[in-house]
Every structure is written in structure tokens, then in C-alpha cells.
Amino acid sequence: LSQAEGQTWKESYGQDRAGFYEALEAAPDTEMRAMALYVRLAAEALPRFLDRGADEAIYLDTFRDLTLWCGFFHSTEGRCGLREYRWLSHAVDATLFRLGRLEFEASRTLEDIRLNGAVLPAGTPVVDVHIPEGPGLTRGDVLNSFHRAKDFFGPELRYFACFSWMLSPALDLVLDPGQSSILWFRSLFHVYGVDYHFPDMERRL
């Protein structure tokens, strides 16, 4: 991309996000263009991370996602590109932070959640937990990430929430509870609902 073209796309990203996505998805080289654009956007995101209390190490760790998703695209398509650009906008906007093994993002519940006899009303502040691709979920690494997240987001955010195939009750049918780190990870959460519209579990297994 030329400097002028990159600047035009960057301004569109900042001023009209819906229009930015629409134009990107209409381009004949969407994935390659997305990779070029998000490398630039990522390179300019450090000040936003610093403004939110993150340091340079957290910034670099968070954008490892860019490497992972570009690598995944290359391994499956045989060419360079990026398909998960909407997801990576969370990192570009400095709302997503990788703290050790896990990623975290301040959010709010979309519905009332019944939990241990209490009700968390819709709109309750929570910290969303995301599991990036990587090595196994060792207990030490996972617990260290949660402790770091508590320090980072502060005591006012008391609840963690996770929407992932790794919490599926169906995993009991295929994994050994005595050996599976995924089942141990699931045990950290109270599963209050299941959505079968996304076949991530089947794809991953």
C-alpha cells in the first residue's frame, strides 16, 4: 500500500468502522489487504495501550494474535493474508489485553444470569476471557493470568465470563477428566447456557 492509500484506510477505520469493513470486504484482495492494513494499525496502537495502563510487553504479547492468525491463514490457504480482522480490531482499539496465557476484555452481561442462587442483571460489568491458540492450559499459567487480570482491571470488576467451545458439557463424552486440562479449565466457570450455532468444538477436535 502507498502511504496515501494507507492513510485513507486508516482514517476510514477511525471515522466509519462499518464503512471500513464494507469497503475491505468488497476489495478483490480482502485478506492480503487486511494483513497489510492491520500491520500498520498494530504498529500505531502502542500509545492507546499505554493510556489504558498497559506496558509495552502487554502490547507486544497482545499482537502475537496477528502473527497467529496470519500463520493460520497461510497454513490453510497456502498464501499470505488475514481473515480475523474484525476480531483483531479489539487489539487495535486497545480493549483486548493478553496477560500471560489468556486474553481479557472489559465487557458487560447481555442478559440476566442466575449464579449460585443470585442474579447478575443484564449490564453487570464483567471481564471476558479469551483463550488464544498456544501451548496447553497449565494450571500455573492460567491462574497467573487470572491474578494479573485482577490487578489490571481492578477490584470493581468481580466476575469473569467466557464464551468458548472449551466450556461445552459435551466434552465430557470425549475427554478424560483425570488428564484433560480443558476440563479443569471449564471447572473454573459456572456454565449457565449453551449455544450450538457455532461448531468450534467439532472443528477444533
Protein backbone atom coordinates (compact mmCIF):
# COMPACT_ATOMS: atom_id res chain seq x y z
CA LEU A 1 0.00 0.00 0.00
CA SER A 2 1.18 3.52 -0.73
CA GLN A 3 1.46 5.95 2.16
CA ALA A 4 -1.53 7.91 0.87
CA GLU A 5 -3.67 4.82 0.42
CA GLY A 6 -2.77 3.55 3.87
CA GLN A 7 -3.71 6.92 5.37
CA THR A 8 -7.09 6.85 3.63
CA TRP A 9 -7.86 3.40 5.01
CA LYS A 10 -6.65 4.43 8.47
CA GLU A 11 -8.97 7.46 8.50
CA SER A 12 -11.88 5.27 7.41
CA TYR A 13 -11.11 2.85 10.24
CA GLY A 14 -11.21 5.64 12.79
CA GLN A 15 -14.20 7.55 11.46
CA ASP A 16 -16.53 4.99 9.87
CA ARG A 17 -15.85 1.48 11.10
CA ALA A 18 -18.86 -0.07 9.33
CA GLY A 19 -17.84 1.59 6.07
CA PHE A 20 -14.25 0.42 6.57
CA TYR A 21 -15.33 -3.21 6.92
CA GLU A 22 -17.72 -2.92 3.97
CA ALA A 23 -15.01 -1.50 1.70
CA LEU A 24 -12.46 -4.06 2.85
CA GLU A 25 -14.81 -6.97 2.22
CA ALA A 26 -15.65 -5.61 -1.24
CA ALA A 27 -11.99 -5.43 -2.27
CA PRO A 28 -10.75 -8.22 -4.59
CA ASP A 29 -7.77 -8.90 -2.29
CA THR A 30 -9.55 -8.66 1.08
CA GLU A 31 -7.28 -10.95 3.11
CA MET A 32 -3.98 -9.64 1.73
CA ARG A 33 -5.13 -6.03 2.08
CA ALA A 34 -6.35 -6.72 5.63
CA MET A 35 -2.95 -8.11 6.57
CA ALA A 36 -1.17 -5.02 5.21
CA LEU A 37 -3.60 -2.65 6.90
CA TYR A 38 -3.58 -4.34 10.30
CA VAL A 39 0.19 -4.48 10.43
CA ARG A 40 0.10 -0.68 10.11
CA LEU A 41 -2.74 -0.26 12.57
CA ALA A 42 -0.99 -2.51 15.08
CA ALA A 43 2.25 -0.58 14.77
CA GLU A 44 0.45 2.62 15.77
CA ALA A 45 -1.57 1.16 18.67
CA LEU A 46 1.07 1.38 21.41
CA PRO A 47 0.02 4.84 22.73
CA ARG A 48 -3.54 3.56 23.28
CA PHE A 49 -2.20 0.64 25.32
CA LEU A 50 -0.08 2.96 27.44
CA ASP A 51 -3.07 5.25 28.01
CA ARG A 52 -5.03 2.27 29.40
CA GLY A 53 -2.32 1.30 31.87
CA ALA A 54 -0.72 -1.48 29.83
CA ASP A 55 3.01 -1.56 29.19
CA GLU A 56 4.92 -2.33 26.02
CA ALA A 57 5.28 -6.03 26.92
CA ILE A 58 1.47 -6.41 27.14
CA TYR A 59 1.13 -4.58 23.82
CA LEU A 60 3.59 -6.94 22.11
CA ASP A 61 2.03 -10.05 23.68
CA THR A 62 -1.45 -8.97 22.61
CA PHE A 63 -0.43 -8.52 18.99
CA ARG A 64 1.00 -12.02 18.85
CA ASP A 65 -2.57 -12.73 17.76
CA LEU A 66 -1.76 -11.04 14.46
CA THR A 67 1.06 -13.49 13.89
CA LEU A 68 -1.07 -16.47 14.92
CA TRP A 69 -3.99 -15.62 12.62
CA CYS A 70 -1.74 -14.79 9.65
CA GLY A 71 0.05 -18.09 10.20
CA PHE A 72 -3.25 -19.95 10.42
CA PHE A 73 -4.43 -18.36 7.16
CA HIS A 74 -1.19 -19.29 5.40
CA SER A 75 -1.31 -22.88 6.62
CA THR A 76 -4.90 -23.37 5.46
CA GLU A 77 -4.93 -21.27 2.26
CA GLY A 78 -1.32 -21.52 1.10
CA ARG A 79 -0.98 -17.75 0.73
CA CYS A 80 -0.50 -14.66 2.88
CA GLY A 81 -3.48 -12.91 4.38
CA LEU A 82 -5.65 -12.21 7.40
CA ARG A 83 -9.28 -13.22 7.82
CA GLU A 84 -9.91 -12.39 11.51
CA TYR A 85 -9.54 -8.62 11.07
CA ARG A 86 -12.80 -7.83 12.89
CA TRP A 87 -11.55 -9.73 15.93
CA LEU A 88 -8.15 -8.02 15.80
CA SER A 89 -9.88 -4.64 15.92
CA HIS A 90 -10.29 -5.29 19.66
CA ALA A 91 -6.49 -5.27 19.94
CA VAL A 92 -6.06 -2.25 17.65
CA ASP A 93 -8.59 -0.35 19.77
CA ALA A 94 -6.73 -1.39 22.96
CA THR A 95 -9.76 -3.03 24.54
CA LEU A 96 -8.20 -6.51 24.49
CA PHE A 97 -5.11 -7.36 26.54
CA ARG A 98 -3.06 -10.54 26.65
CA LEU A 99 -1.89 -11.12 30.20
CA GLY A 100 0.19 -14.27 30.13
CA ARG A 101 -1.57 -17.30 28.65
CA LEU A 102 -5.04 -15.70 28.37
CA GLU A 103 -6.60 -12.60 26.87
CA PHE A 104 -9.04 -10.32 28.71
CA GLU A 105 -11.51 -7.60 27.79
CA ALA A 106 -13.82 -5.47 29.93
CA SER A 107 -17.44 -6.07 28.98
CA ARG A 108 -20.99 -6.30 30.34
CA THR A 109 -23.51 -9.13 30.54
CA LEU A 110 -26.10 -9.13 27.76
CA GLU A 111 -28.76 -10.95 29.79
CA ASP A 112 -29.69 -11.82 33.37
CA ILE A 113 -27.51 -14.65 34.69
CA ARG A 114 -28.50 -16.87 37.59
CA LEU A 115 -25.46 -17.82 39.61
CA ASN A 116 -25.47 -19.73 42.89
CA GLY A 117 -28.92 -18.51 43.87
CA ALA A 118 -28.20 -14.89 42.92
CA VAL A 119 -28.98 -12.99 39.73
CA LEU A 120 -26.48 -10.89 37.84
CA PRO A 121 -28.68 -8.44 35.93
CA ALA A 122 -28.03 -7.60 32.30
CA GLY A 123 -25.41 -4.88 32.10
CA THR A 124 -23.30 -6.19 35.00
CA PRO A 125 -19.60 -5.36 34.39
CA VAL A 126 -17.52 -8.47 33.69
CA VAL A 127 -14.12 -9.34 32.25
CA ASP A 128 -14.42 -11.51 29.15
CA VAL A 129 -11.84 -14.29 28.95
CA HIS A 130 -10.44 -15.41 25.59
CA ILE A 131 -8.13 -18.39 25.00
CA PRO A 132 -5.63 -17.72 22.21
CA GLU A 133 -4.04 -20.57 20.31
CA GLY A 134 -0.92 -21.81 22.02
CA PRO A 135 0.50 -24.41 24.39
CA GLY A 136 -1.66 -26.35 26.82
CA LEU A 137 -3.58 -24.68 29.62
CA THR A 138 -1.30 -25.45 32.54
CA ARG A 139 -2.73 -24.57 35.94
CA GLY A 140 0.13 -22.28 36.86
CA ASP A 141 -0.09 -20.28 33.64
CA VAL A 142 -3.89 -19.98 33.78
CA LEU A 143 -4.04 -18.92 37.42
CA ASN A 144 -1.21 -16.46 36.88
CA SER A 145 -3.21 -14.88 34.04
CA PHE A 146 -6.29 -14.51 36.23
CA HIS A 147 -4.25 -12.90 39.00
CA ARG A 148 -2.72 -10.46 36.52
CA ALA A 149 -6.19 -9.64 35.17
CA LYS A 150 -7.49 -8.89 38.67
CA ASP A 151 -4.63 -6.47 39.20
CA PHE A 152 -5.03 -4.91 35.76
CA PHE A 153 -8.80 -4.34 35.75
CA GLY A 154 -9.17 -3.55 39.44
CA PRO A 155 -11.47 -4.80 42.21
CA GLU A 156 -14.61 -3.24 40.73
CA LEU A 157 -14.70 -5.98 38.05
CA ARG A 158 -15.54 -9.00 40.18
CA TYR A 159 -16.69 -11.51 37.54
CA PHE A 160 -15.02 -13.33 34.66
CA ALA A 161 -17.10 -14.53 31.70
CA CYS A 162 -16.12 -16.86 28.88
CA PHE A 163 -17.88 -17.90 25.66
CA SER A 164 -15.87 -20.82 24.29
CA TRP A 165 -16.18 -24.35 22.96
CA MET A 166 -13.82 -25.31 25.81
CA LEU A 167 -16.74 -24.94 28.24
CA SER A 168 -19.03 -27.31 26.34
CA PRO A 169 -20.68 -30.02 28.51
CA ALA A 170 -20.30 -32.39 25.54
CA LEU A 171 -16.55 -32.54 26.18
CA ASP A 172 -17.30 -35.00 28.99
CA LEU A 173 -18.00 -37.55 26.25
CA VAL A 174 -14.57 -37.36 24.66
CA LEU A 175 -12.03 -36.16 27.25
CA ASP A 176 -10.54 -37.87 30.29
CA PRO A 177 -11.36 -35.83 33.44
CA GLY A 178 -8.23 -37.12 35.13
CA GLN A 179 -5.91 -35.83 32.40
CA SER A 180 -7.67 -33.07 30.49
CA SER A 181 -6.54 -29.51 31.17
CA ILE A 182 -9.56 -28.31 29.18
CA LEU A 183 -11.98 -29.92 31.63
CA TRP A 184 -10.01 -28.42 34.52
CA PHE A 185 -10.27 -25.00 32.87
CA ARG A 186 -14.02 -25.46 32.46
CA SER A 187 -14.31 -26.26 36.17
CA LEU A 188 -13.28 -22.67 36.94
CA PHE A 189 -16.58 -21.45 35.50
CA HIS A 190 -20.29 -21.88 36.15
CA VAL A 191 -21.80 -22.93 32.79
CA TYR A 192 -25.18 -21.21 32.60
CA GLY A 193 -26.05 -21.76 28.94
CA VAL A 194 -25.01 -23.50 25.73
CA ASP A 195 -25.18 -22.18 22.16
CA TYR A 196 -24.90 -24.77 19.41
CA HIS A 197 -24.85 -22.30 16.50
CA PHE A 198 -21.04 -22.23 16.40
CA PRO A 199 -19.34 -25.57 15.56
CA ASP A 200 -15.99 -24.57 17.07
CA MET A 201 -15.75 -27.67 19.26
CA GLU A 202 -16.22 -30.03 16.33
CA ARG A 203 -13.71 -28.10 14.19
CA ARG A 204 -11.09 -27.98 16.92
CA LEU A 205 -11.41 -31.60 17.97
